[in-house]
Amino acid sequence: MGYWLAQPDDPITGGVRGIARVATPPSASERGREDEGPGEGRLVRTVRMPLAEAPGYLARWLAEPGPAAHPLAAPYGVTARERRRADRLVPGAHRRQRLAMAADGDVATAVHWSAREPLGPADAAAWDAAVARLTRPPESRGWTA
């Protein structure tokens, strides 16, 4: 099964009534973001796994091709690493990628963070917030769905 979404400037003709075209997302300047350059394209995602899988997960992340990762300062109980990779969407640009992991009982949580260089204050704040959330008790992390 395939879906077709009309481009924002294409007129919608015929078809099913009640379907609206997909709007083009506003640019950073249209949204009024202060961190227009560095903050665009920032990604944060979390992964939960059994504690026994955490060492292998970290080893696979560290073994990916490219320049080696280096340790980052992190709170007690958190392992954090950082690396630099070419941006897949913007030719010639680079991304800073970070991974933080913490264990809680028999479960480990990994936080992946990535931002396009050069990094700005909003990027640093997003990393700090993700690591701070990682160190909170599980019931107050706000990551469950």
C-alpha atoms as a PDB file:
ATOM      1  CA  MET A   1       0.000   0.000   0.000  1.00  0.00           C
ATOM      2  CA  GLY A   2       1.332   3.452  -0.833  1.00  0.00           C
ATOM      3  CA  TYR A   3       0.429   6.937   0.276  1.00  0.00           C
ATOM      4  CA  TRP A   4       0.744  10.189  -1.589  1.00  0.00           C
ATOM      5  CA  LEU A   5       0.947  13.476   0.278  1.00  0.00           C
ATOM      6  CA  ALA A   6       0.446  16.632  -1.722  1.00  0.00           C
ATOM      7  CA  GLN A   7       3.230  19.155  -1.563  1.00  0.00           C
ATOM      8  CA  PRO A   8       2.328  22.462   0.148  1.00  0.00           C
ATOM      9  CA  ASP A   9       1.977  24.378  -3.126  1.00  0.00           C
ATOM     10  CA  ASP A  10       0.168  21.659  -5.101  1.00  0.00           C
ATOM     11  CA  PRO A  11      -3.602  22.086  -5.448  1.00  0.00           C
ATOM     12  CA  ILE A  12      -5.587  19.150  -4.127  1.00  0.00           C
ATOM     13  CA  THR A  13      -7.867  17.894  -6.858  1.00  0.00           C
ATOM     14  CA  GLY A  14     -10.344  15.060  -6.613  1.00  0.00           C
ATOM     15  CA  GLY A  15      -9.565  12.232  -4.259  1.00  0.00           C
ATOM     16  CA  VAL A  16     -10.925  11.764  -0.780  1.00  0.00           C
ATOM     17  CA  ARG A  17     -12.603  14.750   0.810  1.00  0.00           C
ATOM     18  CA  GLY A  18     -11.339  15.938   4.169  1.00  0.00           C
ATOM     19  CA  ILE A  19      -7.657  15.318   3.486  1.00  0.00           C
ATOM     20  CA  ALA A  20      -5.517  18.413   3.819  1.00  0.00           C
ATOM     21  CA  ARG A  21      -2.083  18.864   2.355  1.00  0.00           C
ATOM     22  CA  VAL A  22       0.971  18.572   4.584  1.00  0.00           C
ATOM     23  CA  ALA A  23       2.332  21.991   5.449  1.00  0.00           C
ATOM     24  CA  THR A  24       5.999  22.816   5.126  1.00  0.00           C
ATOM     25  CA  PRO A  25       7.534  23.066   8.591  1.00  0.00           C
ATOM     26  CA  PRO A  26       8.522  26.630   9.484  1.00  0.00           C
ATOM     27  CA  SER A  27      12.192  27.518   9.437  1.00  0.00           C
ATOM     28  CA  ALA A  28      14.006  28.217  12.698  1.00  0.00           C
ATOM     29  CA  SER A  29      13.779  31.961  12.137  1.00  0.00           C
ATOM     30  CA  GLU A  30      10.027  31.699  11.507  1.00  0.00           C
ATOM     31  CA  ARG A  31       9.650  29.803  14.783  1.00  0.00           C
ATOM     32  CA  GLY A  32      11.659  32.513  16.542  1.00  0.00           C
ATOM     33  CA  ARG A  33      14.395  30.186  17.739  1.00  0.00           C
ATOM     34  CA  GLU A  34      17.486  31.851  19.097  1.00  0.00           C
ATOM     35  CA  ASP A  35      19.695  28.865  18.314  1.00  0.00           C
ATOM     36  CA  GLU A  36      18.811  28.790  14.616  1.00  0.00           C
ATOM     37  CA  GLY A  37      22.170  27.553  13.349  1.00  0.00           C
ATOM     38  CA  PRO A  38      23.614  25.057  15.821  1.00  0.00           C
ATOM     39  CA  GLY A  39      20.308  23.827  17.260  1.00  0.00           C
ATOM     40  CA  GLU A  40      18.813  22.730  13.971  1.00  0.00           C
ATOM     41  CA  GLY A  41      18.947  18.978  13.596  1.00  0.00           C
ATOM     42  CA  ARG A  42      19.619  18.135  17.245  1.00  0.00           C
ATOM     43  CA  LEU A  43      18.499  14.598  18.125  1.00  0.00           C
ATOM     44  CA  VAL A  44      17.984  12.967  21.523  1.00  0.00           C
ATOM     45  CA  ARG A  45      16.703   9.430  21.953  1.00  0.00           C
ATOM     46  CA  THR A  46      16.753   6.834  24.694  1.00  0.00           C
ATOM     47  CA  VAL A  47      17.028   3.071  24.687  1.00  0.00           C
ATOM     48  CA  ARG A  48      16.257   0.771  27.613  1.00  0.00           C
ATOM     49  CA  MET A  49      17.713  -2.719  27.777  1.00  0.00           C
ATOM     50  CA  PRO A  50      18.464  -5.508  30.219  1.00  0.00           C
ATOM     51  CA  LEU A  51      21.596  -4.675  32.214  1.00  0.00           C
ATOM     52  CA  ALA A  52      23.405  -7.703  30.784  1.00  0.00           C
ATOM     53  CA  GLU A  53      23.147  -6.200  27.267  1.00  0.00           C
ATOM     54  CA  ALA A  54      24.671  -2.813  28.187  1.00  0.00           C
ATOM     55  CA  PRO A  55      28.390  -3.683  27.806  1.00  0.00           C
ATOM     56  CA  GLY A  56      27.807  -5.113  24.321  1.00  0.00           C
ATOM     57  CA  TYR A  57      25.657  -2.133  23.344  1.00  0.00           C
ATOM     58  CA  LEU A  58      28.422   0.295  24.352  1.00  0.00           C
ATOM     59  CA  ALA A  59      31.074  -1.842  22.632  1.00  0.00           C
ATOM     60  CA  ARG A  60      29.113  -1.855  19.356  1.00  0.00           C
ATOM     61  CA  TRP A  61      28.679   1.950  19.487  1.00  0.00           C
ATOM     62  CA  LEU A  62      32.396   2.421  20.125  1.00  0.00           C
ATOM     63  CA  ALA A  63      33.357  -0.008  17.335  1.00  0.00           C
ATOM     64  CA  GLU A  64      31.435   1.799  14.588  1.00  0.00           C
ATOM     65  CA  PRO A  65      33.690   3.028  11.749  1.00  0.00           C
ATOM     66  CA  GLY A  66      35.170   6.491  12.048  1.00  0.00           C
ATOM     67  CA  PRO A  67      37.308   8.443  14.467  1.00  0.00           C
ATOM     68  CA  ALA A  68      37.500   6.973  17.955  1.00  0.00           C
ATOM     69  CA  ALA A  69      35.199   8.149  20.722  1.00  0.00           C
ATOM     70  CA  HIS A  70      36.597   9.682  23.888  1.00  0.00           C
ATOM     71  CA  PRO A  71      35.260   9.712  27.468  1.00  0.00           C
ATOM     72  CA  LEU A  72      33.184  12.662  28.696  1.00  0.00           C
ATOM     73  CA  ALA A  73      32.789  13.929  32.229  1.00  0.00           C
ATOM     74  CA  ALA A  74      29.562  12.566  33.693  1.00  0.00           C
ATOM     75  CA  PRO A  75      27.872  12.174  37.070  1.00  0.00           C
ATOM     76  CA  TYR A  76      28.646   9.176  39.259  1.00  0.00           C
ATOM     77  CA  GLY A  77      27.158   5.998  37.795  1.00  0.00           C
ATOM     78  CA  VAL A  78      26.963   7.359  34.238  1.00  0.00           C
ATOM     79  CA  THR A  79      29.294   6.314  31.428  1.00  0.00           C
ATOM     80  CA  ALA A  80      29.529   8.949  28.688  1.00  0.00           C
ATOM     81  CA  ARG A  81      31.394   9.010  25.376  1.00  0.00           C
ATOM     82  CA  GLU A  82      31.641  11.477  22.490  1.00  0.00           C
ATOM     83  CA  ARG A  83      32.654  11.192  18.840  1.00  0.00           C
ATOM     84  CA  ARG A  84      32.566  13.271  15.680  1.00  0.00           C
ATOM     85  CA  ARG A  85      31.043  12.024  12.421  1.00  0.00           C
ATOM     86  CA  ALA A  86      30.207  13.438   9.000  1.00  0.00           C
ATOM     87  CA  ASP A  87      26.612  14.642   8.776  1.00  0.00           C
ATOM     88  CA  ARG A  88      24.634  12.340   6.476  1.00  0.00           C
ATOM     89  CA  LEU A  89      22.232  15.060   5.363  1.00  0.00           C
ATOM     90  CA  VAL A  90      24.473  18.102   4.945  1.00  0.00           C
ATOM     91  CA  PRO A  91      27.535  17.540   2.743  1.00  0.00           C
ATOM     92  CA  GLY A  92      30.713  18.849   4.391  1.00  0.00           C
ATOM     93  CA  ALA A  93      29.066  19.321   7.815  1.00  0.00           C
ATOM     94  CA  HIS A  94      29.898  17.339  10.928  1.00  0.00           C
ATOM     95  CA  ARG A  95      27.875  16.096  13.875  1.00  0.00           C
ATOM     96  CA  ARG A  96      28.924  15.616  17.459  1.00  0.00           C
ATOM     97  CA  GLN A  97      27.483  12.367  18.791  1.00  0.00           C
ATOM     98  CA  ARG A  98      27.304  11.438  22.453  1.00  0.00           C
ATOM     99  CA  LEU A  99      26.199   8.344  24.304  1.00  0.00           C
ATOM    100  CA  ALA A 100      25.494   8.205  28.043  1.00  0.00           C
ATOM    101  CA  MET A 101      24.542   5.010  29.858  1.00  0.00           C
ATOM    102  CA  ALA A 102      23.390   4.337  33.402  1.00  0.00           C
ATOM    103  CA  ALA A 103      22.148   1.257  35.209  1.00  0.00           C
ATOM    104  CA  ASP A 104      19.224   1.022  37.581  1.00  0.00           C
ATOM    105  CA  GLY A 105      18.741  -2.414  39.060  1.00  0.00           C
ATOM    106  CA  ASP A 106      18.609  -4.941  36.243  1.00  0.00           C
ATOM    107  CA  VAL A 107      17.835  -2.330  33.545  1.00  0.00           C
ATOM    108  CA  ALA A 108      20.232  -0.009  31.707  1.00  0.00           C
ATOM    109  CA  THR A 109      19.243   3.176  29.898  1.00  0.00           C
ATOM    110  CA  ALA A 110      21.265   4.676  27.058  1.00  0.00           C
ATOM    111  CA  VAL A 111      20.827   8.266  25.885  1.00  0.00           C
ATOM    112  CA  HIS A 112      21.910   9.070  22.340  1.00  0.00           C
ATOM    113  CA  TRP A 113      22.471  12.780  21.636  1.00  0.00           C
ATOM    114  CA  SER A 114      23.576  14.272  18.335  1.00  0.00           C
ATOM    115  CA  ALA A 115      23.937  17.850  17.122  1.00  0.00           C
ATOM    116  CA  ARG A 116      25.368  19.550  14.076  1.00  0.00           C
ATOM    117  CA  GLU A 117      28.589  21.492  14.637  1.00  0.00           C
ATOM    118  CA  PRO A 118      29.337  24.150  15.721  1.00  0.00           C
ATOM    119  CA  LEU A 119      27.621  23.469  19.027  1.00  0.00           C
ATOM    120  CA  GLY A 120      25.802  26.263  20.793  1.00  0.00           C
ATOM    121  CA  PRO A 121      24.521  26.877  24.311  1.00  0.00           C
ATOM    122  CA  ALA A 122      21.159  25.261  23.511  1.00  0.00           C
ATOM    123  CA  ASP A 123      22.956  22.075  22.400  1.00  0.00           C
ATOM    124  CA  ALA A 124      24.915  21.946  25.666  1.00  0.00           C
ATOM    125  CA  ALA A 125      21.707  22.543  27.629  1.00  0.00           C
ATOM    126  CA  ALA A 126      19.957  19.688  25.787  1.00  0.00           C
ATOM    127  CA  TRP A 127      22.829  17.320  26.643  1.00  0.00           C
ATOM    128  CA  ASP A 128      22.875  18.414  30.286  1.00  0.00           C
ATOM    129  CA  ALA A 129      19.102  17.938  30.544  1.00  0.00           C
ATOM    130  CA  ALA A 130      19.276  14.442  29.039  1.00  0.00           C
ATOM    131  CA  VAL A 131      22.059  13.357  31.405  1.00  0.00           C
ATOM    132  CA  ALA A 132      20.263  14.924  34.389  1.00  0.00           C
ATOM    133  CA  ARG A 133      17.101  13.000  33.482  1.00  0.00           C
ATOM    134  CA  LEU A 134      19.165   9.823  33.193  1.00  0.00           C
ATOM    135  CA  THR A 135      20.396  10.190  36.782  1.00  0.00           C
ATOM    136  CA  ARG A 136      16.895  10.669  38.274  1.00  0.00           C
ATOM    137  CA  PRO A 137      14.943   7.756  39.741  1.00  0.00           C
ATOM    138  CA  PRO A 138      13.141   5.793  36.968  1.00  0.00           C
ATOM    139  CA  GLU A 139       9.657   6.922  38.018  1.00  0.00           C
ATOM    140  CA  SER A 140      10.585  10.602  37.509  1.00  0.00           C
ATOM    141  CA  ARG A 141      12.476  10.385  34.214  1.00  0.00           C
ATOM    142  CA  GLY A 142       9.440  11.014  32.037  1.00  0.00           C
ATOM    143  CA  TRP A 143      10.609   8.681  29.268  1.00  0.00           C
ATOM    144  CA  THR A 144       8.002   5.970  29.507  1.00  0.00           C
ATOM    145  CA  ALA A 145       5.315   5.756  26.859  1.00  0.00           C
END
